[in-house]
Amino acid sequence: MSKCKTSRIPLVIVSTALFTLTSACTITPIPAERLSSLRKMGAISLLGDELEMQYVGTTAFTNSTKEISVKNRKIDRYVVQTIKDEIVGKSKFDFKTPYFIPIM
């Protein structure tokens, strides 16, 4: 009987932790009245300078992972510019480049 009670305690702890974590990640919708008054938009890309490639083979022995430096390709700048090009002229928003310093 005591064995059954002790096995439920970790289950309760894990389920409580999962509920807390998932409820903390919920997004509250912004009311339509507030959205209609917004005029500025910005974008920050955090893709970084490393690209990770994974090859999934037919067996676990042929799987591989490879990291490639793409620093010279300036992917973050390209992503922000692409978003800006799509927004400017096609919507009511003014695009502002936010000042962002990544902490690493």
N, C-alpha and C. Protein backbone atom coordinates (compact mmCIF):
# COMPACT_ATOMS: atom_id res chain seq x y z
N MET A 1 0.81 -1.19 0.00
CA MET A 1 0.00 0.00 0.00
C MET A 1 0.86 1.26 0.00
N SER A 2 1.92 1.29 0.82
CA SER A 2 2.77 2.47 0.87
C SER A 2 3.55 2.66 -0.42
N LYS A 3 3.81 1.55 -1.11
CA LYS A 3 4.53 1.65 -2.38
C LYS A 3 3.71 2.42 -3.41
N CYS A 4 2.42 2.26 -3.40
CA CYS A 4 1.54 2.96 -4.34
C CYS A 4 1.51 4.46 -4.03
N LYS A 5 1.51 4.83 -2.75
CA LYS A 5 1.48 6.25 -2.38
C LYS A 5 2.77 6.95 -2.78
N THR A 6 3.92 6.31 -2.58
CA THR A 6 5.18 6.96 -2.93
C THR A 6 5.36 7.09 -4.44
N SER A 7 4.76 6.20 -5.21
CA SER A 7 4.90 6.31 -6.66
C SER A 7 4.01 7.41 -7.23
N ARG A 8 3.00 7.84 -6.50
CA ARG A 8 2.12 8.91 -6.97
C ARG A 8 2.72 10.29 -6.72
N ILE A 9 3.59 10.41 -5.74
CA ILE A 9 4.16 11.71 -5.40
C ILE A 9 4.96 12.29 -6.57
N PRO A 10 5.88 11.54 -7.20
CA PRO A 10 6.58 12.11 -8.36
C PRO A 10 5.63 12.48 -9.50
N LEU A 11 4.58 11.69 -9.68
CA LEU A 11 3.61 11.98 -10.74
C LEU A 11 2.91 13.30 -10.47
N VAL A 12 2.54 13.54 -9.23
CA VAL A 12 1.88 14.79 -8.86
C VAL A 12 2.83 15.97 -9.06
N ILE A 13 4.07 15.80 -8.65
CA ILE A 13 5.06 16.87 -8.80
C ILE A 13 5.31 17.19 -10.27
N VAL A 14 5.48 16.16 -11.08
CA VAL A 14 5.73 16.37 -12.51
C VAL A 14 4.53 17.01 -13.19
N SER A 15 3.33 16.52 -12.88
CA SER A 15 2.15 17.10 -13.53
C SER A 15 1.93 18.55 -13.10
N THR A 16 2.20 18.87 -11.83
CA THR A 16 2.08 20.25 -11.37
C THR A 16 3.11 21.14 -12.05
N ALA A 17 4.33 20.64 -12.18
CA ALA A 17 5.37 21.42 -12.85
C ALA A 17 5.03 21.66 -14.32
N LEU A 18 4.54 20.63 -15.01
CA LEU A 18 4.16 20.79 -16.41
C LEU A 18 3.02 21.78 -16.57
N PHE A 19 2.03 21.73 -15.69
CA PHE A 19 0.92 22.67 -15.76
C PHE A 19 1.41 24.09 -15.54
N THR A 20 2.31 24.28 -14.58
CA THR A 20 2.84 25.61 -14.30
C THR A 20 3.65 26.14 -15.47
N LEU A 21 4.49 25.29 -16.05
CA LEU A 21 5.30 25.73 -17.18
C LEU A 21 4.47 26.07 -18.40
N THR A 22 3.48 25.23 -18.71
CA THR A 22 2.66 25.50 -19.90
C THR A 22 1.74 26.69 -19.70
N SER A 23 1.25 26.91 -18.50
CA SER A 23 0.38 28.06 -18.29
C SER A 23 1.18 29.36 -18.29
N ALA A 24 2.47 29.29 -17.96
CA ALA A 24 3.30 30.49 -18.00
C ALA A 24 3.61 30.91 -19.43
N CYS A 25 3.46 30.01 -20.38
CA CYS A 25 3.79 30.31 -21.77
C CYS A 25 2.59 30.76 -22.59
N THR A 26 1.44 30.89 -21.97
CA THR A 26 0.27 31.31 -22.73
C THR A 26 0.38 32.77 -23.11
N ILE A 27 -0.24 33.11 -24.22
CA ILE A 27 -0.21 34.47 -24.73
C ILE A 27 -1.60 35.07 -24.59
N THR A 28 -1.67 36.23 -23.98
CA THR A 28 -2.96 36.90 -23.88
C THR A 28 -3.16 37.74 -25.14
N PRO A 29 -4.30 37.60 -25.78
CA PRO A 29 -4.54 38.36 -27.01
C PRO A 29 -4.66 39.86 -26.75
N ILE A 30 -4.19 40.64 -27.70
CA ILE A 30 -4.28 42.10 -27.61
C ILE A 30 -5.62 42.51 -28.21
N PRO A 31 -6.37 43.36 -27.53
CA PRO A 31 -7.67 43.78 -28.07
C PRO A 31 -7.53 44.49 -29.42
N ALA A 32 -8.54 44.35 -30.27
CA ALA A 32 -8.52 44.91 -31.63
C ALA A 32 -8.38 46.43 -31.60
N GLU A 33 -8.97 47.10 -30.61
CA GLU A 33 -8.89 48.55 -30.54
C GLU A 33 -7.44 49.00 -30.35
N ARG A 34 -6.72 48.26 -29.54
CA ARG A 34 -5.31 48.61 -29.29
C ARG A 34 -4.45 48.28 -30.51
N LEU A 35 -4.74 47.19 -31.18
CA LEU A 35 -3.98 46.83 -32.38
C LEU A 35 -4.15 47.85 -33.50
N SER A 36 -5.35 48.39 -33.63
CA SER A 36 -5.59 49.34 -34.72
C SER A 36 -4.84 50.65 -34.51
N SER A 37 -4.43 50.94 -33.28
CA SER A 37 -3.71 52.19 -33.04
C SER A 37 -2.19 52.03 -33.20
N LEU A 38 -1.70 50.83 -33.34
CA LEU A 38 -0.26 50.61 -33.49
C LEU A 38 0.20 51.03 -34.88
N ARG A 39 1.36 51.72 -34.94
CA ARG A 39 1.88 52.20 -36.22
C ARG A 39 3.32 51.80 -36.47
N LYS A 40 4.04 51.39 -35.43
CA LYS A 40 5.46 51.05 -35.59
C LYS A 40 5.67 49.56 -35.39
N MET A 41 6.64 49.03 -36.13
CA MET A 41 6.97 47.62 -36.01
C MET A 41 8.47 47.47 -36.20
N GLY A 42 9.04 46.50 -35.51
CA GLY A 42 10.46 46.21 -35.64
C GLY A 42 10.68 44.71 -35.66
N ALA A 43 11.89 44.30 -36.00
CA ALA A 43 12.22 42.87 -36.05
C ALA A 43 13.63 42.67 -35.53
N ILE A 44 13.81 41.59 -34.79
CA ILE A 44 15.13 41.20 -34.31
C ILE A 44 15.33 39.74 -34.72
N SER A 45 16.41 39.45 -35.39
CA SER A 45 16.73 38.08 -35.78
C SER A 45 17.81 37.55 -34.86
N LEU A 46 17.57 36.39 -34.30
CA LEU A 46 18.52 35.75 -33.40
C LEU A 46 18.98 34.40 -33.94
N LEU A 47 19.08 34.29 -35.25
CA LEU A 47 19.50 33.02 -35.84
C LEU A 47 20.96 32.72 -35.56
N GLY A 48 21.80 33.73 -35.50
CA GLY A 48 23.19 33.55 -35.11
C GLY A 48 24.14 33.28 -36.25
N ASP A 49 25.37 32.92 -35.87
CA ASP A 49 26.44 32.72 -36.84
C ASP A 49 26.75 31.25 -37.11
N GLU A 50 26.01 30.35 -36.48
CA GLU A 50 26.23 28.92 -36.67
C GLU A 50 24.99 28.29 -37.27
N LEU A 51 25.19 27.43 -38.23
CA LEU A 51 24.10 26.68 -38.85
C LEU A 51 24.34 25.21 -38.54
N GLU A 52 23.35 24.56 -37.96
CA GLU A 52 23.49 23.15 -37.60
C GLU A 52 22.74 22.31 -38.62
N MET A 53 23.43 21.39 -39.21
CA MET A 53 22.83 20.49 -40.19
C MET A 53 22.77 19.09 -39.60
N GLN A 54 21.65 18.41 -39.78
CA GLN A 54 21.52 17.05 -39.30
C GLN A 54 21.18 16.14 -40.46
N TYR A 55 21.87 15.04 -40.51
CA TYR A 55 21.59 14.01 -41.50
C TYR A 55 21.02 12.82 -40.76
N VAL A 56 19.82 12.40 -41.15
CA VAL A 56 19.20 11.23 -40.55
C VAL A 56 19.29 10.11 -41.55
N GLY A 57 20.09 9.11 -41.20
CA GLY A 57 20.32 7.98 -42.09
C GLY A 57 19.30 6.89 -41.90
N THR A 58 19.54 5.79 -42.55
CA THR A 58 18.61 4.66 -42.46
C THR A 58 18.76 3.92 -41.14
N THR A 59 19.90 4.04 -40.50
CA THR A 59 20.10 3.46 -39.17
C THR A 59 20.68 4.53 -38.26
N ALA A 60 20.70 4.25 -36.97
CA ALA A 60 21.24 5.21 -36.00
C ALA A 60 22.74 5.40 -36.20
N PHE A 61 23.40 4.45 -36.81
CA PHE A 61 24.86 4.54 -37.00
C PHE A 61 25.25 5.50 -38.11
N THR A 62 24.32 5.81 -39.01
CA THR A 62 24.64 6.72 -40.11
C THR A 62 24.13 8.15 -39.88
N ASN A 63 23.53 8.41 -38.72
CA ASN A 63 23.10 9.77 -38.39
C ASN A 63 24.33 10.63 -38.10
N SER A 64 24.25 11.89 -38.48
CA SER A 64 25.36 12.79 -38.19
C SER A 64 24.86 14.21 -38.02
N THR A 65 25.64 15.01 -37.30
CA THR A 65 25.35 16.42 -37.07
C THR A 65 26.60 17.21 -37.42
N LYS A 66 26.39 18.35 -38.07
CA LYS A 66 27.52 19.17 -38.50
C LYS A 66 27.17 20.63 -38.27
N GLU A 67 28.09 21.38 -37.69
CA GLU A 67 27.90 22.82 -37.50
C GLU A 67 28.78 23.58 -38.48
N ILE A 68 28.17 24.57 -39.14
CA ILE A 68 28.87 25.35 -40.15
C ILE A 68 28.82 26.82 -39.75
N SER A 69 29.93 27.50 -39.83
CA SER A 69 29.96 28.93 -39.54
C SER A 69 29.44 29.69 -40.76
N VAL A 70 28.43 30.53 -40.53
CA VAL A 70 27.86 31.35 -41.61
C VAL A 70 27.97 32.83 -41.25
N LYS A 71 29.00 33.16 -40.48
CA LYS A 71 29.16 34.54 -40.02
C LYS A 71 29.32 35.52 -41.18
N ASN A 72 30.05 35.14 -42.20
CA ASN A 72 30.28 36.04 -43.32
C ASN A 72 29.05 36.23 -44.21
N ARG A 73 28.03 35.44 -44.03
CA ARG A 73 26.81 35.58 -44.86
C ARG A 73 25.79 36.53 -44.27
N LYS A 74 25.98 36.93 -43.03
CA LYS A 74 25.12 37.92 -42.36
C LYS A 74 23.63 37.57 -42.47
N ILE A 75 23.29 36.37 -41.99
CA ILE A 75 21.92 35.87 -42.08
C ILE A 75 20.95 36.73 -41.28
N ASP A 76 21.36 37.17 -40.08
CA ASP A 76 20.46 38.00 -39.27
C ASP A 76 20.08 39.28 -40.00
N ARG A 77 21.06 39.94 -40.61
CA ARG A 77 20.79 41.17 -41.36
C ARG A 77 19.85 40.90 -42.54
N TYR A 78 20.05 39.77 -43.22
CA TYR A 78 19.19 39.41 -44.36
C TYR A 78 17.74 39.18 -43.91
N VAL A 79 17.55 38.49 -42.80
CA VAL A 79 16.20 38.21 -42.31
C VAL A 79 15.48 39.50 -41.95
N VAL A 80 16.16 40.39 -41.23
CA VAL A 80 15.54 41.67 -40.84
C VAL A 80 15.21 42.50 -42.08
N GLN A 81 16.10 42.53 -43.06
CA GLN A 81 15.85 43.30 -44.28
C GLN A 81 14.69 42.71 -45.08
N THR A 82 14.58 41.40 -45.11
CA THR A 82 13.46 40.76 -45.82
C THR A 82 12.13 41.09 -45.16
N ILE A 83 12.10 41.06 -43.84
CA ILE A 83 10.87 41.43 -43.13
C ILE A 83 10.53 42.89 -43.38
N LYS A 84 11.54 43.76 -43.34
CA LYS A 84 11.32 45.19 -43.60
C LYS A 84 10.77 45.41 -45.00
N ASP A 85 11.34 44.72 -46.00
CA ASP A 85 10.87 44.87 -47.38
C ASP A 85 9.42 44.43 -47.54
N GLU A 86 9.02 43.42 -46.78
CA GLU A 86 7.64 42.94 -46.86
C GLU A 86 6.66 43.89 -46.18
N ILE A 87 7.11 44.57 -45.14
CA ILE A 87 6.22 45.44 -44.36
C ILE A 87 6.08 46.82 -44.99
N VAL A 88 7.20 47.43 -45.37
CA VAL A 88 7.18 48.79 -45.90
C VAL A 88 6.46 48.81 -47.25
N GLY A 89 5.50 49.68 -47.37
CA GLY A 89 4.77 49.83 -48.62
C GLY A 89 3.59 48.88 -48.77
N LYS A 90 3.52 47.84 -47.96
CA LYS A 90 2.42 46.88 -48.07
C LYS A 90 1.49 46.92 -46.87
N SER A 91 1.81 47.78 -45.90
CA SER A 91 0.97 47.87 -44.72
C SER A 91 1.02 49.29 -44.17
N LYS A 92 0.30 49.52 -43.12
CA LYS A 92 0.24 50.84 -42.49
C LYS A 92 1.38 51.07 -41.51
N PHE A 93 2.22 50.07 -41.30
CA PHE A 93 3.26 50.15 -40.28
C PHE A 93 4.52 50.86 -40.77
N ASP A 94 5.14 51.60 -39.86
CA ASP A 94 6.48 52.16 -40.07
C ASP A 94 7.46 51.17 -39.45
N PHE A 95 8.47 50.80 -40.19
CA PHE A 95 9.44 49.84 -39.69
C PHE A 95 10.57 50.58 -39.01
N LYS A 96 10.85 50.25 -37.77
CA LYS A 96 11.95 50.83 -37.00
C LYS A 96 12.89 49.70 -36.61
N THR A 97 14.17 49.93 -36.83
CA THR A 97 15.16 48.93 -36.42
C THR A 97 15.46 49.12 -34.94
N PRO A 98 15.12 48.12 -34.13
CA PRO A 98 15.34 48.27 -32.68
C PRO A 98 16.83 48.16 -32.34
N TYR A 99 17.21 48.84 -31.29
CA TYR A 99 18.58 48.75 -30.78
C TYR A 99 18.61 47.53 -29.86
N PHE A 100 19.47 46.57 -30.19
CA PHE A 100 19.49 45.32 -29.45
C PHE A 100 20.93 44.86 -29.27
N ILE A 101 21.29 44.57 -28.03
CA ILE A 101 22.60 44.02 -27.73
C ILE A 101 22.39 42.64 -27.14
N PRO A 102 22.79 41.57 -27.85
CA PRO A 102 22.59 40.23 -27.28
C PRO A 102 23.52 39.97 -26.11
N ILE A 103 23.00 39.34 -25.09
CA ILE A 103 23.80 38.98 -23.92
C ILE A 103 24.15 37.51 -24.02
N MET A 104 25.42 37.23 -24.16
CA MET A 104 25.82 35.83 -24.31
C MET A 104 26.95 35.51 -23.39
